[in-house]
N, C-alpha and C. Protein backbone atom coordinates (compact mmCIF):
# COMPACT_ATOMS: atom_id res chain seq x y z
N MET A 1 28.12 29.63 38.12
CA MET A 1 28.32 28.33 38.54
C MET A 1 27.54 27.52 37.80
N TRP A 2 26.39 27.84 37.17
CA TRP A 2 25.37 27.10 36.44
C TRP A 2 25.64 27.10 34.86
N SER A 3 26.70 27.75 34.51
CA SER A 3 26.57 27.88 33.05
C SER A 3 27.24 26.54 32.63
N ASN A 4 27.20 26.38 31.38
CA ASN A 4 27.63 25.08 30.40
C ASN A 4 26.98 23.65 30.97
N VAL A 5 25.77 23.95 31.50
CA VAL A 5 25.06 22.74 31.75
C VAL A 5 24.46 21.90 30.58
N GLN A 6 24.82 20.72 30.46
CA GLN A 6 24.40 20.03 29.22
C GLN A 6 23.52 18.89 29.52
N THR A 7 23.60 18.38 30.75
CA THR A 7 22.83 17.04 31.31
C THR A 7 22.33 17.45 32.64
N VAL A 8 21.06 17.13 33.07
CA VAL A 8 20.60 17.37 34.35
C VAL A 8 20.06 15.83 34.70
N PHE A 9 20.76 15.33 35.64
CA PHE A 9 20.27 14.13 36.37
C PHE A 9 19.28 14.28 37.42
N LEU A 10 18.17 13.53 37.39
CA LEU A 10 16.94 13.67 38.23
C LEU A 10 16.74 12.61 39.04
N ASP A 11 16.68 12.49 40.32
CA ASP A 11 16.02 11.57 41.13
C ASP A 11 14.67 11.66 40.78
N ARG A 12 13.89 10.46 41.05
CA ARG A 12 12.38 10.38 40.76
C ARG A 12 11.58 10.78 41.93
N ASP A 13 11.54 9.99 42.91
CA ASP A 13 10.56 10.07 44.05
C ASP A 13 11.10 11.16 44.84
N GLY A 14 10.18 12.18 45.32
CA GLY A 14 10.57 13.39 45.82
C GLY A 14 10.94 14.74 45.00
N VAL A 15 11.26 14.36 43.79
CA VAL A 15 11.78 15.37 43.02
C VAL A 15 10.81 15.37 41.73
N LEU A 16 10.27 14.40 41.09
CA LEU A 16 9.45 14.46 40.04
C LEU A 16 8.10 14.17 40.54
N ASN A 17 8.00 13.31 41.50
CA ASN A 17 6.69 12.66 41.88
C ASN A 17 6.50 12.62 43.41
N GLU A 18 5.37 12.57 44.14
CA GLU A 18 5.21 12.53 45.64
C GLU A 18 5.93 11.23 45.94
N LYS A 19 6.69 11.50 47.09
CA LYS A 19 7.32 10.40 47.64
C LYS A 19 6.63 9.43 48.53
N ALA A 20 6.84 8.28 48.49
CA ALA A 20 5.84 7.55 49.48
C ALA A 20 6.29 7.48 50.83
N PRO A 21 5.30 7.16 51.84
CA PRO A 21 5.50 7.27 53.18
C PRO A 21 6.88 6.33 53.50
N GLU A 22 7.67 6.68 54.53
CA GLU A 22 8.91 5.79 55.01
C GLU A 22 8.36 4.13 54.96
N GLY A 23 9.22 3.33 54.15
CA GLY A 23 9.09 1.93 54.13
C GLY A 23 8.28 1.49 53.11
N GLU A 24 7.70 2.46 52.35
CA GLU A 24 6.81 2.21 51.20
C GLU A 24 7.30 2.52 49.71
N TYR A 25 6.67 2.30 48.74
CA TYR A 25 7.30 2.52 47.54
C TYR A 25 6.15 2.81 46.48
N VAL A 26 6.45 3.75 45.51
CA VAL A 26 5.64 4.09 44.50
C VAL A 26 6.01 3.32 43.41
N TRP A 27 4.90 2.40 43.13
CA TRP A 27 5.14 1.41 42.02
C TRP A 27 3.64 1.19 41.23
N ARG A 28 2.60 1.72 41.76
CA ARG A 28 1.34 1.51 41.17
C ARG A 28 1.15 2.68 40.35
N LEU A 29 0.45 2.52 39.21
CA LEU A 29 0.14 3.75 38.66
C LEU A 29 -0.76 4.67 39.32
N ARG A 30 -1.60 4.38 39.97
CA ARG A 30 -2.56 5.20 40.89
C ARG A 30 -1.80 5.97 42.04
N ASP A 31 -0.56 5.54 42.31
CA ASP A 31 0.28 6.20 43.36
C ASP A 31 1.25 7.19 42.75
N PHE A 32 1.45 7.11 41.61
CA PHE A 32 2.42 7.98 41.02
C PHE A 32 1.59 9.50 40.51
N ARG A 33 1.84 10.45 41.50
CA ARG A 33 1.41 11.67 41.54
C ARG A 33 2.45 12.69 41.27
N VAL A 34 2.35 13.19 39.94
CA VAL A 34 3.44 14.16 39.62
C VAL A 34 3.36 15.45 40.47
N LEU A 35 4.58 15.94 40.83
CA LEU A 35 4.54 17.09 41.69
C LEU A 35 4.36 18.28 40.75
N ASP A 36 3.59 19.52 41.49
CA ASP A 36 3.27 20.72 40.67
C ASP A 36 4.54 21.29 39.93
N GLY A 37 4.48 21.57 38.59
CA GLY A 37 5.36 22.25 37.87
C GLY A 37 6.41 21.38 37.31
N VAL A 38 6.31 20.15 37.56
CA VAL A 38 7.36 19.37 36.99
C VAL A 38 7.46 19.28 35.51
N PRO A 39 6.12 19.01 34.83
CA PRO A 39 6.32 18.96 33.39
C PRO A 39 6.76 20.20 32.64
N GLU A 40 6.49 21.37 33.35
CA GLU A 40 6.98 22.64 32.95
C GLU A 40 8.32 22.83 33.05
N ALA A 41 8.83 22.45 34.07
CA ALA A 41 10.22 22.72 34.41
C ALA A 41 11.08 21.67 33.48
N ILE A 42 10.67 20.34 33.10
CA ILE A 42 11.33 19.64 32.28
C ILE A 42 11.19 20.17 30.81
N ALA A 43 10.11 20.84 30.43
CA ALA A 43 10.10 21.22 29.31
C ALA A 43 11.04 22.44 29.07
N ARG A 44 11.20 23.20 30.09
CA ARG A 44 12.19 24.34 30.07
C ARG A 44 13.66 23.87 29.79
N LEU A 45 13.89 22.71 30.55
CA LEU A 45 15.14 22.15 30.24
C LEU A 45 15.40 21.64 28.77
N ASN A 46 14.33 20.84 28.51
CA ASN A 46 14.45 20.46 26.96
C ASN A 46 14.55 21.56 26.01
N HIS A 47 13.76 22.69 25.95
CA HIS A 47 13.93 23.77 25.16
C HIS A 47 15.12 24.48 25.20
N ALA A 48 15.78 24.40 26.30
CA ALA A 48 17.16 25.08 26.50
C ALA A 48 18.43 24.29 25.94
N GLY A 49 17.82 22.97 25.34
CA GLY A 49 18.85 22.07 24.88
C GLY A 49 19.58 21.12 25.96
N ILE A 50 19.09 21.19 27.15
CA ILE A 50 19.59 20.40 28.25
C ILE A 50 19.22 19.08 28.26
N ARG A 51 19.85 17.99 28.39
CA ARG A 51 19.38 16.68 28.40
C ARG A 51 18.99 16.32 29.82
N ALA A 52 17.67 15.63 29.87
CA ALA A 52 17.00 15.45 31.15
C ALA A 52 16.96 13.84 31.38
N VAL A 53 17.73 13.32 32.28
CA VAL A 53 18.02 11.78 32.56
C VAL A 53 17.49 11.58 34.17
N VAL A 54 16.60 10.54 34.18
CA VAL A 54 16.19 10.17 35.59
C VAL A 54 17.06 9.09 36.04
N VAL A 55 17.53 8.95 37.31
CA VAL A 55 18.41 7.95 37.75
C VAL A 55 17.63 7.72 39.12
N THR A 56 17.32 6.33 39.46
CA THR A 56 16.41 6.19 40.47
C THR A 56 16.76 4.71 41.11
N ASN A 57 16.92 4.75 42.50
CA ASN A 57 17.07 3.45 43.07
C ASN A 57 15.48 2.85 43.27
N GLN A 58 15.33 1.56 43.04
CA GLN A 58 14.16 0.96 43.13
C GLN A 58 14.32 -0.45 43.76
N ARG A 59 14.70 -0.50 45.17
CA ARG A 59 15.05 -1.67 45.95
C ARG A 59 13.82 -2.32 46.31
N GLY A 60 12.55 -1.81 46.01
CA GLY A 60 11.32 -2.69 46.02
C GLY A 60 11.19 -3.87 45.10
N VAL A 61 12.22 -3.66 43.93
CA VAL A 61 12.26 -4.85 42.80
C VAL A 61 12.97 -6.02 43.45
N ALA A 62 13.95 -5.66 44.08
CA ALA A 62 14.69 -6.69 44.73
C ALA A 62 14.17 -7.30 45.91
N GLN A 63 13.19 -6.69 46.67
CA GLN A 63 12.42 -7.19 47.67
C GLN A 63 11.19 -7.90 47.26
N GLY A 64 11.07 -8.07 45.82
CA GLY A 64 9.89 -8.75 45.28
C GLY A 64 8.45 -8.11 45.51
N ARG A 65 8.54 -6.73 45.81
CA ARG A 65 7.33 -5.95 46.10
C ARG A 65 6.80 -5.57 44.85
N TYR A 66 7.44 -5.38 43.60
CA TYR A 66 7.18 -4.93 42.46
C TYR A 66 7.96 -5.27 41.31
N SER A 67 7.82 -5.18 40.01
CA SER A 67 8.75 -5.61 39.23
C SER A 67 9.17 -4.43 38.15
N MET A 68 10.37 -4.77 37.30
CA MET A 68 10.66 -3.87 36.46
C MET A 68 9.52 -3.61 35.46
N VAL A 69 8.77 -4.52 35.06
CA VAL A 69 7.88 -4.20 34.13
C VAL A 69 6.88 -2.88 34.53
N GLN A 70 6.51 -3.05 36.02
CA GLN A 70 5.68 -2.15 36.66
C GLN A 70 6.57 -0.94 36.54
N VAL A 71 7.82 -0.65 36.90
CA VAL A 71 8.41 0.49 36.96
C VAL A 71 8.44 0.97 35.30
N ALA A 72 8.74 0.23 34.53
CA ALA A 72 8.59 0.64 33.27
C ALA A 72 7.33 1.25 32.63
N ALA A 73 6.29 0.59 33.30
CA ALA A 73 4.82 1.24 33.04
C ALA A 73 4.70 2.35 33.53
N LEU A 74 5.18 2.71 34.82
CA LEU A 74 5.22 3.98 35.54
C LEU A 74 5.91 5.09 34.64
N HIS A 75 7.17 4.71 34.15
CA HIS A 75 7.98 5.67 33.42
C HIS A 75 7.32 5.98 32.15
N ALA A 76 6.61 5.03 31.26
CA ALA A 76 5.87 5.18 30.18
C ALA A 76 4.80 6.15 30.31
N ARG A 77 4.15 5.81 31.24
CA ARG A 77 2.89 6.80 31.81
C ARG A 77 3.35 8.28 31.90
N PHE A 78 4.63 8.25 32.66
CA PHE A 78 5.16 9.79 32.90
C PHE A 78 5.55 10.36 31.63
N GLN A 79 6.41 9.53 30.80
CA GLN A 79 6.50 10.09 29.57
C GLN A 79 5.50 10.56 28.57
N ASN A 80 4.42 9.93 28.63
CA ASN A 80 3.08 10.28 27.78
C ASN A 80 2.60 11.52 28.59
N LEU A 81 2.59 11.64 29.86
CA LEU A 81 2.16 12.96 30.36
C LEU A 81 3.09 14.17 29.98
N LEU A 82 4.32 13.79 30.00
CA LEU A 82 5.16 15.07 29.64
C LEU A 82 5.15 15.25 28.18
N ALA A 83 4.81 14.43 27.33
CA ALA A 83 4.75 14.63 25.76
C ALA A 83 3.64 15.44 25.73
N PHE A 84 2.37 15.29 26.24
CA PHE A 84 1.05 15.91 26.48
C PHE A 84 1.49 17.42 26.70
N ARG A 85 2.52 17.66 27.41
CA ARG A 85 2.86 19.12 28.03
C ARG A 85 4.14 19.58 27.06
N GLY A 86 4.38 18.95 26.20
CA GLY A 86 5.56 19.37 25.56
C GLY A 86 6.88 19.17 25.98
N ALA A 87 7.13 18.10 26.77
CA ALA A 87 8.61 17.77 27.36
C ALA A 87 8.61 16.41 27.34
N ARG A 88 10.10 16.16 27.67
CA ARG A 88 10.24 14.50 27.67
C ARG A 88 11.47 14.30 28.54
N ILE A 89 11.51 13.06 29.08
CA ILE A 89 12.95 12.49 29.76
C ILE A 89 13.76 11.73 28.49
N ASP A 90 14.94 12.13 28.43
CA ASP A 90 15.94 11.61 27.52
C ASP A 90 16.23 10.01 27.82
N GLY A 91 16.31 9.63 29.13
CA GLY A 91 16.48 8.31 29.52
C GLY A 91 16.01 7.96 30.84
N PHE A 92 15.54 6.91 31.18
CA PHE A 92 15.50 6.42 32.57
C PHE A 92 16.36 5.25 32.92
N TYR A 93 17.02 5.37 33.91
CA TYR A 93 18.00 4.52 34.55
C TYR A 93 17.62 4.10 35.94
N VAL A 94 17.36 2.81 36.17
CA VAL A 94 16.90 2.25 37.28
C VAL A 94 17.84 1.16 37.80
N CYS A 95 18.16 1.23 39.27
CA CYS A 95 18.89 0.37 39.89
C CYS A 95 17.80 -0.51 40.61
N PRO A 96 17.52 -1.86 40.41
CA PRO A 96 16.54 -2.59 40.99
C PRO A 96 17.06 -3.62 42.06
N HIS A 97 18.34 -3.07 42.64
CA HIS A 97 19.02 -4.03 43.39
C HIS A 97 18.95 -3.38 44.86
N GLY A 98 19.28 -4.43 45.91
CA GLY A 98 19.37 -4.09 47.31
C GLY A 98 20.84 -3.55 47.48
N HIS A 99 20.94 -3.07 48.76
CA HIS A 99 22.19 -2.52 49.10
C HIS A 99 23.43 -3.63 48.96
N GLY A 100 24.64 -3.15 48.48
CA GLY A 100 25.71 -4.03 48.22
C GLY A 100 25.65 -5.05 47.17
N GLU A 101 24.62 -4.96 46.45
CA GLU A 101 24.53 -6.14 45.33
C GLU A 101 25.00 -5.84 44.02
N CYS A 102 25.30 -4.45 43.87
CA CYS A 102 25.79 -3.93 42.47
C CYS A 102 26.73 -2.53 42.39
N ASN A 103 26.87 -2.01 41.32
CA ASN A 103 27.66 -0.71 41.31
C ASN A 103 26.69 0.22 40.79
N CYS A 104 25.24 0.01 40.60
CA CYS A 104 24.39 0.92 39.96
C CYS A 104 23.43 1.55 41.14
N ARG A 105 23.43 1.02 42.45
CA ARG A 105 22.82 1.53 43.26
C ARG A 105 23.38 2.93 43.84
N LYS A 106 22.82 4.19 43.44
CA LYS A 106 23.26 5.42 44.23
C LYS A 106 23.54 5.30 45.42
N PRO A 107 24.76 5.84 45.96
CA PRO A 107 25.75 6.72 45.34
C PRO A 107 26.68 6.18 44.46
N LEU A 108 26.83 4.95 44.15
CA LEU A 108 27.87 4.21 43.30
C LEU A 108 27.56 4.76 41.66
N PRO A 109 28.62 4.76 41.07
CA PRO A 109 28.33 5.35 39.58
C PRO A 109 27.54 4.45 38.48
N GLY A 110 27.27 3.27 38.77
CA GLY A 110 26.81 2.67 37.63
C GLY A 110 25.67 3.34 36.80
N LEU A 111 24.83 3.90 37.30
CA LEU A 111 23.51 4.69 36.57
C LEU A 111 24.14 5.72 35.59
N PHE A 112 25.11 6.37 36.14
CA PHE A 112 25.69 7.47 35.52
C PHE A 112 26.36 6.69 34.07
N GLU A 113 27.17 5.60 34.43
CA GLU A 113 27.97 4.98 33.40
C GLU A 113 26.92 4.34 32.31
N GLN A 114 25.77 3.76 33.01
CA GLN A 114 24.68 3.45 31.80
C GLN A 114 24.18 4.60 31.00
N ALA A 115 24.06 5.56 31.63
CA ALA A 115 23.45 7.05 30.61
C ALA A 115 24.59 7.36 29.77
N ARG A 116 25.98 7.30 30.40
CA ARG A 116 26.83 7.60 29.39
C ARG A 116 27.08 6.70 28.29
N GLY A 117 26.72 5.48 28.32
CA GLY A 117 26.82 4.53 27.38
C GLY A 117 25.98 4.65 26.34
N ASP A 118 24.55 5.36 26.67
CA ASP A 118 23.51 5.78 25.72
C ASP A 118 23.73 7.03 25.03
N PHE A 119 24.41 8.03 25.93
CA PHE A 119 24.82 9.35 25.52
C PHE A 119 26.21 9.68 25.59
N PRO A 120 27.17 9.33 24.79
CA PRO A 120 28.56 9.45 25.09
C PRO A 120 28.99 10.80 25.28
N ALA A 121 28.29 11.98 24.85
CA ALA A 121 28.63 13.35 25.33
C ALA A 121 28.51 13.71 26.68
N ILE A 122 27.77 12.81 27.36
CA ILE A 122 27.59 13.17 28.91
C ILE A 122 28.93 13.32 29.44
N ALA A 123 29.14 14.31 30.28
CA ALA A 123 30.37 14.26 31.08
C ALA A 123 30.10 14.92 32.45
N ALA A 124 30.59 14.50 33.53
CA ALA A 124 30.33 14.85 34.81
C ALA A 124 30.48 16.42 35.01
N GLN A 125 31.53 16.93 34.23
CA GLN A 125 31.73 18.22 34.52
C GLN A 125 30.74 19.45 33.94
N THR A 126 29.99 18.87 33.03
CA THR A 126 28.73 19.60 32.47
C THR A 126 27.47 19.03 32.84
N SER A 127 27.38 18.34 33.98
CA SER A 127 26.14 17.73 34.41
C SER A 127 25.90 18.24 35.91
N VAL A 128 24.50 18.20 36.11
CA VAL A 128 24.06 18.68 37.49
C VAL A 128 23.26 17.55 38.05
N MET A 129 23.24 17.16 39.16
CA MET A 129 22.41 16.04 39.77
C MET A 129 21.43 16.90 40.79
N ILE A 130 20.13 16.65 40.48
CA ILE A 130 19.05 17.19 41.37
C ILE A 130 18.29 16.07 41.95
N GLY A 131 18.48 16.13 43.34
CA GLY A 131 17.92 15.17 44.21
C GLY A 131 17.30 15.52 45.63
N ASP A 132 16.56 14.83 46.21
CA ASP A 132 16.10 15.17 47.49
C ASP A 132 16.65 14.35 48.85
N SER A 133 17.71 13.63 48.40
CA SER A 133 18.26 12.78 49.54
C SER A 133 19.64 12.98 49.63
N LEU A 134 20.39 12.78 50.60
CA LEU A 134 21.93 12.71 50.61
C LEU A 134 22.64 11.87 49.73
N VAL A 135 21.78 10.75 49.51
CA VAL A 135 22.56 9.64 48.68
C VAL A 135 22.56 10.36 47.16
N ASP A 136 21.59 11.18 46.92
CA ASP A 136 21.60 11.83 45.45
C ASP A 136 22.80 12.85 45.44
N ILE A 137 22.92 13.48 46.58
CA ILE A 137 24.01 14.61 46.49
C ILE A 137 25.40 13.90 46.48
N GLU A 138 25.48 12.73 47.10
CA GLU A 138 26.76 11.95 47.38
C GLU A 138 26.96 11.51 45.76
N PHE A 139 25.87 10.97 45.19
CA PHE A 139 26.24 10.32 43.90
C PHE A 139 26.74 11.29 42.99
N GLY A 140 26.10 12.59 43.06
CA GLY A 140 26.62 13.86 42.10
C GLY A 140 28.23 14.11 42.65
N LYS A 141 28.46 14.32 43.73
CA LYS A 141 29.66 14.63 44.23
C LYS A 141 30.81 13.83 43.88
N ARG A 142 30.36 12.50 44.07
CA ARG A 142 31.56 11.38 43.80
C ARG A 142 32.04 11.56 42.44
N LEU A 143 30.90 11.80 41.51
CA LEU A 143 31.37 11.83 40.09
C LEU A 143 31.87 13.27 39.69
N GLY A 144 31.79 14.28 40.39
CA GLY A 144 32.32 15.73 40.10
C GLY A 144 31.19 16.51 39.71
N MET A 145 29.92 16.13 39.71
CA MET A 145 28.85 17.02 39.16
C MET A 145 28.65 18.11 40.52
N ARG A 146 27.84 19.10 39.79
CA ARG A 146 27.35 20.20 40.58
C ARG A 146 26.08 19.40 41.06
N THR A 147 25.57 20.07 42.35
CA THR A 147 24.28 19.25 42.69
C THR A 147 23.48 20.31 43.28
N ILE A 148 22.13 20.01 43.18
CA ILE A 148 21.22 20.51 43.90
C ILE A 148 19.94 19.84 44.67
N ARG A 149 19.95 20.27 45.92
CA ARG A 149 19.10 19.32 46.80
C ARG A 149 17.75 19.93 46.92
N ILE A 150 16.57 19.11 46.64
CA ILE A 150 15.28 19.65 46.77
C ILE A 150 14.78 19.41 48.12
N GLU A 151 14.31 20.62 48.81
CA GLU A 151 13.79 20.52 50.03
C GLU A 151 12.72 21.43 50.06
N PRO A 152 11.46 21.05 50.14
CA PRO A 152 10.29 21.83 50.02
C PRO A 152 10.39 23.29 50.82
N GLU A 153 10.90 23.04 51.99
CA GLU A 153 11.11 24.12 53.02
C GLU A 153 12.22 25.21 52.69
N ALA A 154 13.11 24.72 51.63
CA ALA A 154 14.42 25.60 51.38
C ALA A 154 14.20 26.82 50.34
N GLY A 155 14.91 27.74 50.56
CA GLY A 155 14.91 28.88 49.61
C GLY A 155 15.85 28.38 48.58
N ALA A 156 15.54 29.16 47.45
CA ALA A 156 16.52 28.93 46.16
C ALA A 156 17.92 29.34 46.59
N GLY A 157 18.76 28.46 46.30
CA GLY A 157 20.01 28.81 46.40
C GLY A 157 20.92 28.69 48.12
N ALA A 158 20.08 28.18 48.84
CA ALA A 158 20.33 27.98 50.25
C ALA A 158 21.48 26.94 50.33
N ARG A 159 22.42 27.11 51.44
CA ARG A 159 23.31 25.86 51.68
C ARG A 159 23.18 25.05 52.56
N ASP A 160 23.39 23.75 52.37
CA ASP A 160 23.39 22.69 53.24
C ASP A 160 23.93 23.06 54.84
N PRO A 161 23.09 23.02 55.72
CA PRO A 161 23.69 23.50 56.94
C PRO A 161 24.60 22.53 57.84
N ASP A 162 24.60 21.34 57.60
CA ASP A 162 25.34 20.37 58.22
C ASP A 162 26.65 20.08 57.48
N PRO A 163 27.75 20.47 58.09
CA PRO A 163 29.04 20.28 57.42
C PRO A 163 29.52 18.73 57.44
N ALA A 164 28.82 17.87 58.17
CA ALA A 164 29.47 16.56 58.23
C ALA A 164 28.59 15.74 56.94
N MET A 165 27.82 16.36 56.31
CA MET A 165 26.87 15.72 55.34
C MET A 165 27.51 16.08 54.10
N PRO A 166 27.27 15.28 52.90
CA PRO A 166 27.67 15.67 51.64
C PRO A 166 27.07 17.25 51.18
N GLN A 167 27.82 17.99 50.86
CA GLN A 167 27.27 19.27 50.61
C GLN A 167 26.62 19.62 49.31
N ALA A 168 25.32 19.93 49.04
CA ALA A 168 24.71 20.37 47.76
C ALA A 168 25.35 21.85 47.48
N ASP A 169 25.51 21.98 46.14
CA ASP A 169 25.93 23.32 45.84
C ASP A 169 24.82 24.39 46.18
N ALA A 170 23.68 23.87 45.89
CA ALA A 170 22.28 24.91 46.41
C ALA A 170 21.23 24.05 46.71
N ARG A 171 20.17 24.50 47.52
CA ARG A 171 19.17 23.83 47.81
C ARG A 171 17.82 24.57 47.29
N CYS A 172 16.92 23.92 46.83
CA CYS A 172 15.74 24.64 46.12
C CYS A 172 14.54 23.87 46.72
N ALA A 173 13.39 24.75 46.59
CA ALA A 173 12.11 24.17 47.20
C ALA A 173 11.46 23.33 46.32
N SER A 174 11.74 23.38 44.82
CA SER A 174 11.08 22.44 44.14
C SER A 174 11.96 22.40 42.99
N LEU A 175 11.66 21.52 41.93
CA LEU A 175 12.25 21.32 40.67
C LEU A 175 12.10 22.52 39.87
N SER A 176 10.88 23.17 39.86
CA SER A 176 10.70 24.20 39.11
C SER A 176 11.80 25.48 39.69
N HIS A 177 12.12 25.50 41.01
CA HIS A 177 12.89 26.51 41.40
C HIS A 177 14.42 26.32 41.02
N ALA A 178 14.63 24.95 41.04
CA ALA A 178 16.11 24.46 40.53
C ALA A 178 16.15 24.74 39.30
N VAL A 179 15.32 24.70 38.27
CA VAL A 179 15.54 24.79 36.85
C VAL A 179 15.61 26.30 36.58
N GLU A 180 14.83 27.14 37.27
CA GLU A 180 15.04 28.73 37.24
C GLU A 180 16.43 28.92 37.72
N LEU A 181 17.03 28.28 38.74
CA LEU A 181 18.40 28.73 39.08
C LEU A 181 19.39 28.25 38.08
N LEU A 182 19.14 27.03 37.33
CA LEU A 182 20.01 26.63 36.34
C LEU A 182 20.08 27.54 35.09
N LEU A 183 18.79 28.00 34.93
CA LEU A 183 18.66 28.79 33.58
C LEU A 183 18.94 30.18 33.87
N GLY A 184 19.22 30.67 35.00
CA GLY A 184 19.52 32.04 35.28
C GLY A 184 18.44 32.87 35.63
N ALA A 185 17.47 32.34 35.97
CA ALA A 185 16.39 33.28 36.35
C ALA A 185 16.34 33.60 37.95
N ASP A 186 15.82 34.98 38.14
CA ASP A 186 15.94 35.23 39.41
C ASP A 186 14.98 34.52 40.19
N VAL A 187 15.12 33.71 41.45
CA VAL A 187 14.45 33.30 42.29
C VAL A 187 14.39 33.78 43.59
């Protein structure tokens, strides 16, 4: 199932860094805390020749809580940390809009289309979406991608239990475990 992966789409908050408490946002540099194993997992994707792309909804921009300049600064800091660890993100795609204002807010396809504009070789059939929310899974499924949901309490490869929700192809406890699954390691 995981063969022929060429691009991995990654949600940001809750997958790459600690998620803010409900109703709050990660936008200050001091609040951007990278989760354990993330730089190494991204380096493994890079070394396997798999494109790593971040797609993130940042509604706090539309609410005036922070700016796209601050989002870009977070991403630059993260990219520098990754470079120090021999890894990189190939592209960051951000939806700064509120609900119903655009076609780029996940689960809509705009961020995928932006990424494909920069990387024309991207195809949904050879892509995987890794996210921690149902919106991430719905984004991937609508486009025809395989999906992995990050749930810290989940065992690798576990299935989503609620049939009324968009079904992830697998659930993993962390990005590290998801990358192990993608690359064929026993988890």
